[in-house]
Amino acid sequence: MVIDVVYFMYIQCQFQHMEKLKMISIRLYETDTQLLKTLAGEIGIPYQTYIRKVLRKHPTKQLKLIRRRYRTKWSDRKINLE
C-alpha cells in the first residue's frame, strides 16, 4: 500500500513538470532497449521514465568528474603572489 502512495506521488510530480519536457526521437539497439525495459521493470517504473532518468543522471556525473579533475589539477599548483 505504501508503494502505491509513493508511486502516485511520483506520477503526480511527473505531470507537474511535463511542460518542461521536450520530445525527442533516438534509435537504440534492440538489445539495449530490452535491457532498459528489464531494469525499469526491476525498479517498477515505465522504461521511458527510466531512460530519462539515466540520460539525466549521466551528464551530471560527468560534470562532477570533470570538476573534481580540474579541482585536483589546479589545487596541486602553488601560486606565487610576490
PDB file of N, CA and C in Angstrom:
ATOM      1  N   MET A   1       0.821  -1.196   0.000  1.00  0.00           N
ATOM      2  CA  MET A   1       0.000   0.000   0.000  1.00  0.00           C
ATOM      3  C   MET A   1       0.862   1.256   0.000  1.00  0.00           C
ATOM      4  N   VAL A   2       1.955   1.224   0.731  1.00  0.00           N
ATOM      5  CA  VAL A   2       2.851   2.382   0.783  1.00  0.00           C
ATOM      6  C   VAL A   2       3.452   2.636  -0.595  1.00  0.00           C
ATOM      7  N   ILE A   3       3.773   1.574  -1.311  1.00  0.00           N
ATOM      8  CA  ILE A   3       4.356   1.716  -2.644  1.00  0.00           C
ATOM      9  C   ILE A   3       3.377   2.413  -3.579  1.00  0.00           C
ATOM     10  N   ASP A   4       2.079   2.087  -3.473  1.00  0.00           N
ATOM     11  CA  ASP A   4       1.072   2.729  -4.313  1.00  0.00           C
ATOM     12  C   ASP A   4       1.019   4.227  -4.070  1.00  0.00           C
ATOM     13  N   VAL A   5       1.114   4.642  -2.816  1.00  0.00           N
ATOM     14  CA  VAL A   5       1.084   6.066  -2.479  1.00  0.00           C
ATOM     15  C   VAL A   5       2.328   6.758  -3.019  1.00  0.00           C
ATOM     16  N   VAL A   6       3.478   6.143  -2.853  1.00  0.00           N
ATOM     17  CA  VAL A   6       4.723   6.721  -3.355  1.00  0.00           C
ATOM     18  C   VAL A   6       4.690   6.817  -4.874  1.00  0.00           C
ATOM     19  N   TYR A   7       4.215   5.765  -5.529  1.00  0.00           N
ATOM     20  CA  TYR A   7       4.124   5.774  -6.989  1.00  0.00           C
ATOM     21  C   TYR A   7       3.161   6.862  -7.461  1.00  0.00           C
ATOM     22  N   PHE A   8       2.025   7.007  -6.778  1.00  0.00           N
ATOM     23  CA  PHE A   8       1.064   8.053  -7.135  1.00  0.00           C
ATOM     24  C   PHE A   8       1.701   9.427  -7.007  1.00  0.00           C
ATOM     25  N   MET A   9       2.454   9.649  -5.924  1.00  0.00           N
ATOM     26  CA  MET A   9       3.120  10.934  -5.738  1.00  0.00           C
ATOM     27  C   MET A   9       4.164  11.161  -6.831  1.00  0.00           C
ATOM     28  N   TYR A  10       4.852  10.096  -7.222  1.00  0.00           N
ATOM     29  CA  TYR A  10       5.855  10.183  -8.283  1.00  0.00           C
ATOM     30  C   TYR A  10       5.200  10.578  -9.609  1.00  0.00           C
ATOM     31  N   ILE A  11       4.104   9.919  -9.948  1.00  0.00           N
ATOM     32  CA  ILE A  11       3.391  10.220 -11.193  1.00  0.00           C
ATOM     33  C   ILE A  11       2.852  11.649 -11.156  1.00  0.00           C
ATOM     34  N   GLN A  12       2.314  12.061 -10.033  1.00  0.00           N
ATOM     35  CA  GLN A  12       1.776  13.410  -9.884  1.00  0.00           C
ATOM     36  C   GLN A  12       2.887  14.444 -10.103  1.00  0.00           C
ATOM     37  N   CYS A  13       4.044  14.173  -9.556  1.00  0.00           N
ATOM     38  CA  CYS A  13       5.185  15.067  -9.720  1.00  0.00           C
ATOM     39  C   CYS A  13       5.607  15.128 -11.185  1.00  0.00           C
ATOM     40  N   GLN A  14       5.586  13.997 -11.876  1.00  0.00           N
ATOM     41  CA  GLN A  14       5.949  13.969 -13.289  1.00  0.00           C
ATOM     42  C   GLN A  14       5.006  14.837 -14.116  1.00  0.00           C
ATOM     43  N   PHE A  15       3.706  14.794 -13.831  1.00  0.00           N
ATOM     44  CA  PHE A  15       2.752  15.595 -14.580  1.00  0.00           C
ATOM     45  C   PHE A  15       2.943  17.086 -14.313  1.00  0.00           C
ATOM     46  N   GLN A  16       3.377  17.446 -13.123  1.00  0.00           N
ATOM     47  CA  GLN A  16       3.601  18.851 -12.808  1.00  0.00           C
ATOM     48  C   GLN A  16       4.757  19.421 -13.610  1.00  0.00           C
ATOM     49  N   HIS A  17       5.720  18.591 -13.952  1.00  0.00           N
ATOM     50  CA  HIS A  17       6.903  19.055 -14.660  1.00  0.00           C
ATOM     51  C   HIS A  17       6.871  18.746 -16.151  1.00  0.00           C
ATOM     52  N   MET A  18       5.734  18.280 -16.651  1.00  0.00           N
ATOM     53  CA  MET A  18       5.665  17.869 -18.049  1.00  0.00           C
ATOM     54  C   MET A  18       5.882  19.006 -19.022  1.00  0.00           C
ATOM     55  N   GLU A  19       5.478  20.205 -18.692  1.00  0.00           N
ATOM     56  CA  GLU A  19       5.627  21.296 -19.633  1.00  0.00           C
ATOM     57  C   GLU A  19       7.100  21.608 -19.906  1.00  0.00           C
ATOM     58  N   LYS A  20       7.993  21.148 -19.056  1.00  0.00           N
ATOM     59  CA  LYS A  20       9.415  21.380 -19.231  1.00  0.00           C
ATOM     60  C   LYS A  20      10.078  20.297 -20.079  1.00  0.00           C
ATOM     61  N   LEU A  21       9.366  19.240 -20.389  1.00  0.00           N
ATOM     62  CA  LEU A  21       9.941  18.138 -21.152  1.00  0.00           C
ATOM     63  C   LEU A  21       9.861  18.422 -22.648  1.00  0.00           C
ATOM     64  N   LYS A  22      10.867  17.962 -23.368  1.00  0.00           N
ATOM     65  CA  LYS A  22      10.882  18.088 -24.823  1.00  0.00           C
ATOM     66  C   LYS A  22      10.933  16.690 -25.421  1.00  0.00           C
ATOM     67  N   MET A  23      10.082  16.438 -26.380  1.00  0.00           N
ATOM     68  CA  MET A  23      10.016  15.137 -27.025  1.00  0.00           C
ATOM     69  C   MET A  23      11.180  15.012 -28.008  1.00  0.00           C
ATOM     70  N   ILE A  24      11.904  13.892 -27.916  1.00  0.00           N
ATOM     71  CA  ILE A  24      12.986  13.611 -28.850  1.00  0.00           C
ATOM     72  C   ILE A  24      12.810  12.196 -29.381  1.00  0.00           C
ATOM     73  N   SER A  25      13.523  11.898 -30.431  1.00  0.00           N
ATOM     74  CA  SER A  25      13.481  10.562 -31.010  1.00  0.00           C
ATOM     75  C   SER A  25      14.916  10.076 -31.160  1.00  0.00           C
ATOM     76  N   ILE A  26      15.201   8.880 -30.665  1.00  0.00           N
ATOM     77  CA  ILE A  26      16.531   8.303 -30.798  1.00  0.00           C
ATOM     78  C   ILE A  26      16.396   6.858 -31.251  1.00  0.00           C
ATOM     79  N   ARG A  27      17.430   6.349 -31.870  1.00  0.00           N
ATOM     80  CA  ARG A  27      17.454   4.947 -32.298  1.00  0.00           C
ATOM     81  C   ARG A  27      18.399   4.197 -31.375  1.00  0.00           C
ATOM     82  N   LEU A  28      17.907   3.100 -30.817  1.00  0.00           N
ATOM     83  CA  LEU A  28      18.701   2.271 -29.922  1.00  0.00           C
ATOM     84  C   LEU A  28      18.732   0.845 -30.443  1.00  0.00           C
ATOM     85  N   TYR A  29      19.768   0.124 -30.087  1.00  0.00           N
ATOM     86  CA  TYR A  29      19.822  -1.296 -30.435  1.00  0.00           C
ATOM     87  C   TYR A  29      18.727  -2.041 -29.683  1.00  0.00           C
ATOM     88  N   GLU A  30      18.203  -3.069 -30.313  1.00  0.00           N
ATOM     89  CA  GLU A  30      17.134  -3.873 -29.707  1.00  0.00           C
ATOM     90  C   GLU A  30      17.568  -4.443 -28.361  1.00  0.00           C
ATOM     91  N   THR A  31      18.807  -4.918 -28.289  1.00  0.00           N
ATOM     92  CA  THR A  31      19.287  -5.497 -27.023  1.00  0.00           C
ATOM     93  C   THR A  31      19.349  -4.446 -25.915  1.00  0.00           C
ATOM     94  N   ASP A  32      19.712  -3.216 -26.290  1.00  0.00           N
ATOM     95  CA  ASP A  32      19.756  -2.142 -25.284  1.00  0.00           C
ATOM     96  C   ASP A  32      18.364  -1.803 -24.767  1.00  0.00           C
ATOM     97  N   THR A  33      17.389  -1.748 -25.665  1.00  0.00           N
ATOM     98  CA  THR A  33      16.029  -1.436 -25.217  1.00  0.00           C
ATOM     99  C   THR A  33      15.477  -2.548 -24.331  1.00  0.00           C
ATOM    100  N   GLN A  34      15.785  -3.799 -24.662  1.00  0.00           N
ATOM    101  CA  GLN A  34      15.328  -4.901 -23.816  1.00  0.00           C
ATOM    102  C   GLN A  34      15.964  -4.836 -22.431  1.00  0.00           C
ATOM    103  N   LEU A  35      17.247  -4.496 -22.392  1.00  0.00           N
ATOM    104  CA  LEU A  35      17.930  -4.351 -21.110  1.00  0.00           C
ATOM    105  C   LEU A  35      17.331  -3.208 -20.299  1.00  0.00           C
ATOM    106  N   LEU A  36      17.080  -2.077 -20.947  1.00  0.00           N
ATOM    107  CA  LEU A  36      16.483  -0.928 -20.253  1.00  0.00           C
ATOM    108  C   LEU A  36      15.082  -1.257 -19.733  1.00  0.00           C
ATOM    109  N   LYS A  37      14.307  -1.983 -20.521  1.00  0.00           N
ATOM    110  CA  LYS A  37      12.970  -2.385 -20.082  1.00  0.00           C
ATOM    111  C   LYS A  37      13.043  -3.329 -18.888  1.00  0.00           C
ATOM    112  N   THR A  38      14.016  -4.230 -18.914  1.00  0.00           N
ATOM    113  CA  THR A  38      14.180  -5.167 -17.804  1.00  0.00           C
ATOM    114  C   THR A  38      14.583  -4.429 -16.530  1.00  0.00           C
ATOM    115  N   LEU A  39      15.551  -3.521 -16.652  1.00  0.00           N
ATOM    116  CA  LEU A  39      15.988  -2.752 -15.481  1.00  0.00           C
ATOM    117  C   LEU A  39      14.863  -1.876 -14.931  1.00  0.00           C
ATOM    118  N   ALA A  40      14.102  -1.264 -15.821  1.00  0.00           N
ATOM    119  CA  ALA A  40      12.972  -0.442 -15.381  1.00  0.00           C
ATOM    120  C   ALA A  40      11.924  -1.302 -14.684  1.00  0.00           C
ATOM    121  N   GLY A  41      11.700  -2.496 -15.195  1.00  0.00           N
ATOM    122  CA  GLY A  41      10.739  -3.411 -14.571  1.00  0.00           C
ATOM    123  C   GLY A  41      11.175  -3.823 -13.176  1.00  0.00           C
ATOM    124  N   GLU A  42      12.483  -3.996 -12.980  1.00  0.00           N
ATOM    125  CA  GLU A  42      13.001  -4.343 -11.646  1.00  0.00           C
ATOM    126  C   GLU A  42      12.727  -3.227 -10.647  1.00  0.00           C
ATOM    127  N   ILE A  43      12.831  -1.995 -11.109  1.00  0.00           N
ATOM    128  CA  ILE A  43      12.579  -0.848 -10.230  1.00  0.00           C
ATOM    129  C   ILE A  43      11.085  -0.609 -10.081  1.00  0.00           C
ATOM    130  N   GLY A  44      10.331  -0.955 -11.115  1.00  0.00           N
ATOM    131  CA  GLY A  44       8.879  -0.769 -11.068  1.00  0.00           C
ATOM    132  C   GLY A  44       8.416   0.540 -11.673  1.00  0.00           C
ATOM    133  N   ILE A  45       9.169   1.053 -12.651  1.00  0.00           N
ATOM    134  CA  ILE A  45       8.761   2.282 -13.331  1.00  0.00           C
ATOM    135  C   ILE A  45       8.726   2.017 -14.829  1.00  0.00           C
ATOM    136  N   PRO A  46       8.000   2.846 -15.590  1.00  0.00           N
ATOM    137  CA  PRO A  46       7.980   2.680 -17.042  1.00  0.00           C
ATOM    138  C   PRO A  46       9.381   2.866 -17.636  1.00  0.00           C
ATOM    139  N   TYR A  47       9.654   2.145 -18.716  1.00  0.00           N
ATOM    140  CA  TYR A  47      11.016   2.189 -19.248  1.00  0.00           C
ATOM    141  C   TYR A  47      11.379   3.556 -19.837  1.00  0.00           C
ATOM    142  N   GLN A  48      10.396   4.310 -20.368  1.00  0.00           N
ATOM    143  CA  GLN A  48      10.701   5.652 -20.864  1.00  0.00           C
ATOM    144  C   GLN A  48      11.160   6.559 -19.728  1.00  0.00           C
ATOM    145  N   THR A  49      10.527   6.417 -18.573  1.00  0.00           N
ATOM    146  CA  THR A  49      10.919   7.189 -17.403  1.00  0.00           C
ATOM    147  C   THR A  49      12.317   6.798 -16.956  1.00  0.00           C
ATOM    148  N   TYR A  50      12.609   5.505 -17.003  1.00  0.00           N
ATOM    149  CA  TYR A  50      13.936   5.025 -16.619  1.00  0.00           C
ATOM    150  C   TYR A  50      15.008   5.573 -17.563  1.00  0.00           C
ATOM    151  N   ILE A  51      14.729   5.562 -18.854  1.00  0.00           N
ATOM    152  CA  ILE A  51      15.687   6.100 -19.829  1.00  0.00           C
ATOM    153  C   ILE A  51      15.930   7.578 -19.561  1.00  0.00           C
ATOM    154  N   ARG A  52      14.860   8.315 -19.267  1.00  0.00           N
ATOM    155  CA  ARG A  52      15.003   9.745 -18.961  1.00  0.00           C
ATOM    156  C   ARG A  52      15.864   9.954 -17.730  1.00  0.00           C
ATOM    157  N   LYS A  53      15.676   9.104 -16.713  1.00  0.00           N
ATOM    158  CA  LYS A  53      16.498   9.204 -15.504  1.00  0.00           C
ATOM    159  C   LYS A  53      17.967   8.932 -15.806  1.00  0.00           C
ATOM    160  N   VAL A  54      18.222   7.904 -16.610  1.00  0.00           N
ATOM    161  CA  VAL A  54      19.599   7.557 -16.972  1.00  0.00           C
ATOM    162  C   VAL A  54      20.234   8.700 -17.753  1.00  0.00           C
ATOM    163  N   LEU A  55      19.505   9.226 -18.733  1.00  0.00           N
ATOM    164  CA  LEU A  55      20.046  10.323 -19.540  1.00  0.00           C
ATOM    165  C   LEU A  55      20.261  11.586 -18.722  1.00  0.00           C
ATOM    166  N   ARG A  56      19.455  11.792 -17.723  1.00  0.00           N
ATOM    167  CA  ARG A  56      19.613  12.980 -16.881  1.00  0.00           C
ATOM    168  C   ARG A  56      20.770  12.809 -15.899  1.00  0.00           C
ATOM    169  N   LYS A  57      20.954  11.595 -15.399  1.00  0.00           N
ATOM    170  CA  LYS A  57      21.972  11.354 -14.390  1.00  0.00           C
ATOM    171  C   LYS A  57      23.378  11.336 -14.988  1.00  0.00           C
ATOM    172  N   HIS A  58      23.555  10.807 -16.182  1.00  0.00           N
ATOM    173  CA  HIS A  58      24.890  10.650 -16.763  1.00  0.00           C
ATOM    174  C   HIS A  58      25.628  11.986 -16.930  1.00  0.00           C
ATOM    175  N   PRO A  59      25.026  13.009 -17.561  1.00  0.00           N
ATOM    176  CA  PRO A  59      25.756  14.269 -17.683  1.00  0.00           C
ATOM    177  C   PRO A  59      26.091  14.897 -16.330  1.00  0.00           C
ATOM    178  N   THR A  60      25.234  14.700 -15.347  1.00  0.00           N
ATOM    179  CA  THR A  60      25.504  15.232 -14.007  1.00  0.00           C
ATOM    180  C   THR A  60      26.731  14.562 -13.412  1.00  0.00           C
ATOM    181  N   LYS A  61      26.832  13.241 -13.564  1.00  0.00           N
ATOM    182  CA  LYS A  61      28.013  12.526 -13.068  1.00  0.00           C
ATOM    183  C   LYS A  61      29.265  12.967 -13.803  1.00  0.00           C
ATOM    184  N   GLN A  62      29.159  13.113 -15.124  1.00  0.00           N
ATOM    185  CA  GLN A  62      30.304  13.541 -15.904  1.00  0.00           C
ATOM    186  C   GLN A  62      30.781  14.926 -15.462  1.00  0.00           C
ATOM    187  N   LEU A  63      29.836  15.829 -15.224  1.00  0.00           N
ATOM    188  CA  LEU A  63      30.196  17.176 -14.788  1.00  0.00           C
ATOM    189  C   LEU A  63      30.909  17.140 -13.441  1.00  0.00           C
ATOM    190  N   LYS A  64      30.434  16.305 -12.531  1.00  0.00           N
ATOM    191  CA  LYS A  64      31.095  16.173 -11.229  1.00  0.00           C
ATOM    192  C   LYS A  64      32.509  15.641 -11.388  1.00  0.00           C
ATOM    193  N   LEU A  65      32.693  14.657 -12.271  1.00  0.00           N
ATOM    194  CA  LEU A  65      34.031  14.113 -12.504  1.00  0.00           C
ATOM    195  C   LEU A  65      34.962  15.165 -13.097  1.00  0.00           C
ATOM    196  N   ILE A  66      34.461  15.945 -14.035  1.00  0.00           N
ATOM    197  CA  ILE A  66      35.271  17.000 -14.648  1.00  0.00           C
ATOM    198  C   ILE A  66      35.659  18.043 -13.610  1.00  0.00           C
ATOM    199  N   ARG A  67      34.697  18.462 -12.799  1.00  0.00           N
ATOM    200  CA  ARG A  67      35.002  19.447 -11.749  1.00  0.00           C
ATOM    201  C   ARG A  67      36.034  18.903 -10.781  1.00  0.00           C
ATOM    202  N   ARG A  68      35.893  17.649 -10.393  1.00  0.00           N
ATOM    203  CA  ARG A  68      36.834  17.036  -9.463  1.00  0.00           C
ATOM    204  C   ARG A  68      38.227  16.978 -10.083  1.00  0.00           C
ATOM    205  N   ARG A  69      38.284  16.631 -11.359  1.00  0.00           N
ATOM    206  CA  ARG A  69      39.570  16.530 -12.057  1.00  0.00           C
ATOM    207  C   ARG A  69      40.269  17.888 -12.103  1.00  0.00           C
ATOM    208  N   TYR A  70      39.520  18.947 -12.445  1.00  0.00           N
ATOM    209  CA  TYR A  70      40.128  20.271 -12.515  1.00  0.00           C
ATOM    210  C   TYR A  70      40.476  20.809 -11.137  1.00  0.00           C
ATOM    211  N   ARG A  71      39.660  20.485 -10.152  1.00  0.00           N
ATOM    212  CA  ARG A  71      39.934  20.950  -8.793  1.00  0.00           C
ATOM    213  C   ARG A  71      41.258  20.360  -8.304  1.00  0.00           C
ATOM    214  N   THR A  72      41.481  19.079  -8.522  1.00  0.00           N
ATOM    215  CA  THR A  72      42.736  18.471  -8.077  1.00  0.00           C
ATOM    216  C   THR A  72      43.885  18.951  -8.948  1.00  0.00           C
ATOM    217  N   LYS A  73      43.635  19.169 -10.216  1.00  0.00           N
ATOM    218  CA  LYS A  73      44.677  19.621 -11.124  1.00  0.00           C
ATOM    219  C   LYS A  73      45.196  21.001 -10.707  1.00  0.00           C
ATOM    220  N   TRP A  74      44.276  21.908 -10.390  1.00  0.00           N
ATOM    221  CA  TRP A  74      44.674  23.267 -10.036  1.00  0.00           C
ATOM    222  C   TRP A  74      45.079  23.387  -8.574  1.00  0.00           C
ATOM    223  N   SER A  75      44.563  22.565  -7.720  1.00  0.00           N
ATOM    224  CA  SER A  75      44.900  22.686  -6.312  1.00  0.00           C
ATOM    225  C   SER A  75      46.311  22.178  -6.028  1.00  0.00           C
ATOM    226  N   ASP A  76      46.862  21.353  -6.926  1.00  0.00           N
ATOM    227  CA  ASP A  76      48.223  20.867  -6.757  1.00  0.00           C
ATOM    228  C   ASP A  76      49.264  21.942  -7.047  1.00  0.00           C
ATOM    229  N   ARG A  77      48.889  22.943  -7.788  1.00  0.00           N
ATOM    230  CA  ARG A  77      49.831  24.001  -8.141  1.00  0.00           C
ATOM    231  C   ARG A  77      49.937  25.022  -7.025  1.00  0.00           C
ATOM    232  N   LYS A  78      51.134  25.490  -6.815  1.00  0.00           N
ATOM    233  CA  LYS A  78      51.357  26.528  -5.818  1.00  0.00           C
ATOM    234  C   LYS A  78      51.445  27.866  -6.544  1.00  0.00           C
ATOM    235  N   ILE A  79      50.730  28.830  -6.022  1.00  0.00           N
ATOM    236  CA  ILE A  79      50.678  30.139  -6.654  1.00  0.00           C
ATOM    237  C   ILE A  79      51.599  31.084  -5.904  1.00  0.00           C
ATOM    238  N   ASN A  80      52.469  31.739  -6.652  1.00  0.00           N
ATOM    239  CA  ASN A  80      53.390  32.713  -6.068  1.00  0.00           C
ATOM    240  C   ASN A  80      52.794  34.101  -6.287  1.00  0.00           C
ATOM    241  N   LEU A  81      52.414  34.771  -5.222  1.00  0.00           N
ATOM    242  CA  LEU A  81      51.788  36.079  -5.319  1.00  0.00           C
ATOM    243  C   LEU A  81      52.769  37.226  -5.114  1.00  0.00           C
ATOM    244  N   GLU A  82      54.023  36.976  -5.086  1.00  0.00           N
ATOM    245  CA  GLU A  82      55.001  38.038  -4.855  1.00  0.00           C
ATOM    246  C   GLU A  82      55.276  38.844  -6.089  1.00  0.00           C
TER     247      GLU A  82
END
